Amino acid sequence: MTKHYEKRKSLRHSASPVLTYQLPLSGNKRNVRGLNHSVSGISFENGSEIKPDSIVYVRRDQCAPDCLPGENCNGCRSVTLATIRWCRKIKTRETEFYRIGAKYFEF
């Protein structure tokens, strides 16, 4: 598992699990691909935009197979609520998608 050192509070760990997210009241569930996670949040790719400050329900089927116990696994939340912090549109020749960052609710 690759570690990313950035100007963030928490160390981010690369992971590409399949996630399911749901916007409250929509009833629609979408499967997306995770990019990385930390103790405080997760980023993923999605085919549609999610506005910052939206609250989403996130479900993750399993932690990455090479996840080590400790701070790394604290970011592998199986079910949680999160607030969308940023959403960036990515365009390639073949397609366009959004990279999204979400901050976990603290319980």
Protein backbone atom coordinates (compact mmCIF):
# COMPACT_ATOMS: atom_id res chain seq x y z
CA MET A 1 0.00 0.00 0.00
CA THR A 2 1.51 3.34 -1.06
CA LYS A 3 1.67 6.19 1.41
CA HIS A 4 1.23 9.80 0.29
CA TYR A 5 2.81 12.58 2.34
CA GLU A 6 0.91 15.81 1.83
CA LYS A 7 -0.03 18.99 3.61
CA ARG A 8 -2.83 17.24 5.45
CA LYS A 9 -3.45 16.30 9.04
CA SER A 10 -3.39 12.58 8.31
CA LEU A 11 -1.24 10.29 6.22
CA ARG A 12 -3.12 9.09 3.11
CA HIS A 13 -2.92 5.49 1.93
CA SER A 14 -3.56 4.39 -1.66
CA ALA A 15 -6.39 1.91 -2.01
CA SER A 16 -8.88 1.16 -4.76
CA PRO A 17 -11.78 -0.65 -3.12
CA VAL A 18 -15.25 -0.68 -4.58
CA LEU A 19 -17.39 1.71 -2.54
CA THR A 20 -21.10 2.34 -2.47
CA TYR A 21 -22.34 5.81 -1.70
CA GLN A 22 -25.80 7.25 -1.29
CA LEU A 23 -26.99 10.83 -1.02
CA PRO A 24 -29.58 11.16 1.76
CA LEU A 25 -33.19 11.24 0.55
CA SER A 26 -32.23 10.16 -2.99
CA GLY A 27 -32.58 6.41 -2.49
CA ASN A 28 -30.09 5.86 -5.34
CA LYS A 29 -26.97 3.88 -4.51
CA ARG A 30 -23.90 4.11 -6.75
CA ASN A 31 -20.79 1.98 -6.89
CA VAL A 32 -17.55 3.93 -7.28
CA ARG A 33 -13.80 3.24 -7.15
CA GLY A 34 -11.87 4.47 -4.14
CA LEU A 35 -8.52 6.19 -4.66
CA ASN A 36 -7.07 6.67 -1.19
CA HIS A 37 -8.07 7.07 2.43
CA SER A 38 -6.81 8.36 5.75
CA VAL A 39 -8.05 8.39 9.31
CA SER A 40 -10.11 11.49 8.51
CA GLY A 41 -11.47 10.87 5.00
CA ILE A 42 -11.55 9.16 1.63
CA SER A 43 -11.30 10.08 -2.04
CA PHE A 44 -12.98 8.32 -4.94
CA GLU A 45 -13.87 8.62 -8.63
CA ASN A 46 -17.44 9.07 -9.77
CA GLY A 47 -19.22 9.55 -13.09
CA SER A 48 -21.22 12.51 -11.82
CA GLU A 49 -20.58 15.61 -9.76
CA ILE A 50 -21.36 15.82 -6.05
CA LYS A 51 -21.47 19.34 -4.69
CA PRO A 52 -19.15 20.25 -1.79
CA ASP A 53 -20.85 20.25 1.63
CA SER A 54 -23.19 17.44 0.53
CA ILE A 55 -23.49 14.65 3.07
CA VAL A 56 -23.10 11.10 1.78
CA TYR A 57 -23.48 7.64 3.27
CA VAL A 58 -20.43 5.53 2.33
CA ARG A 59 -20.19 1.74 2.52
CA ARG A 60 -17.01 -0.21 1.86
CA ASP A 61 -17.13 -3.98 1.46
CA GLN A 62 -13.71 -4.71 2.88
CA CYS A 63 -10.40 -3.22 3.84
CA ALA A 64 -7.51 -3.50 1.39
CA PRO A 65 -5.83 -6.95 1.56
CA ASP A 66 -2.46 -5.38 2.43
CA CYS A 67 -3.88 -3.08 5.11
CA LEU A 68 -1.80 -3.15 8.26
CA PRO A 69 -3.34 -2.69 11.71
CA GLY A 70 -3.01 0.75 13.25
CA GLU A 71 -3.65 4.23 11.85
CA ASN A 72 -3.97 2.89 8.30
CA CYS A 73 -6.95 0.67 9.11
CA ASN A 74 -8.69 3.45 11.04
CA GLY A 75 -9.45 4.88 7.58
CA CYS A 76 -11.03 1.61 6.39
CA ARG A 77 -14.47 2.39 7.73
CA SER A 78 -17.00 -0.14 6.49
CA VAL A 79 -20.00 2.21 6.97
CA THR A 80 -19.89 5.93 7.69
CA LEU A 81 -21.28 9.36 6.92
CA ALA A 82 -19.02 11.89 5.24
CA THR A 83 -19.12 15.48 3.99
CA ILE A 84 -17.97 16.18 0.44
CA ARG A 85 -15.05 18.64 0.71
CA TRP A 86 -14.04 18.96 -2.97
CA CYS A 87 -15.05 17.73 -6.41
CA ARG A 88 -12.84 18.10 -9.52
CA LYS A 89 -13.85 17.35 -13.09
CA ILE A 90 -11.30 15.28 -15.01
CA LYS A 91 -11.50 15.14 -18.82
CA THR A 92 -9.63 12.69 -21.00
CA ARG A 93 -9.99 12.00 -24.71
CA GLU A 94 -12.22 9.02 -23.99
CA THR A 95 -14.34 10.16 -21.06
CA GLU A 96 -14.91 12.59 -18.24
CA PHE A 97 -15.37 11.83 -14.55
CA TYR A 98 -15.02 13.48 -11.15
CA ARG A 99 -12.48 12.98 -8.40
CA ILE A 100 -14.10 13.61 -5.06
CA GLY A 101 -12.78 14.02 -1.53
CA ALA A 102 -14.91 13.41 1.53
CA LYS A 103 -14.25 14.00 5.22
CA TYR A 104 -15.60 11.44 7.67
CA PHE A 105 -17.98 12.55 10.38
CA GLU A 106 -16.33 12.23 13.77
CA PHE A 107 -18.31 10.14 16.25
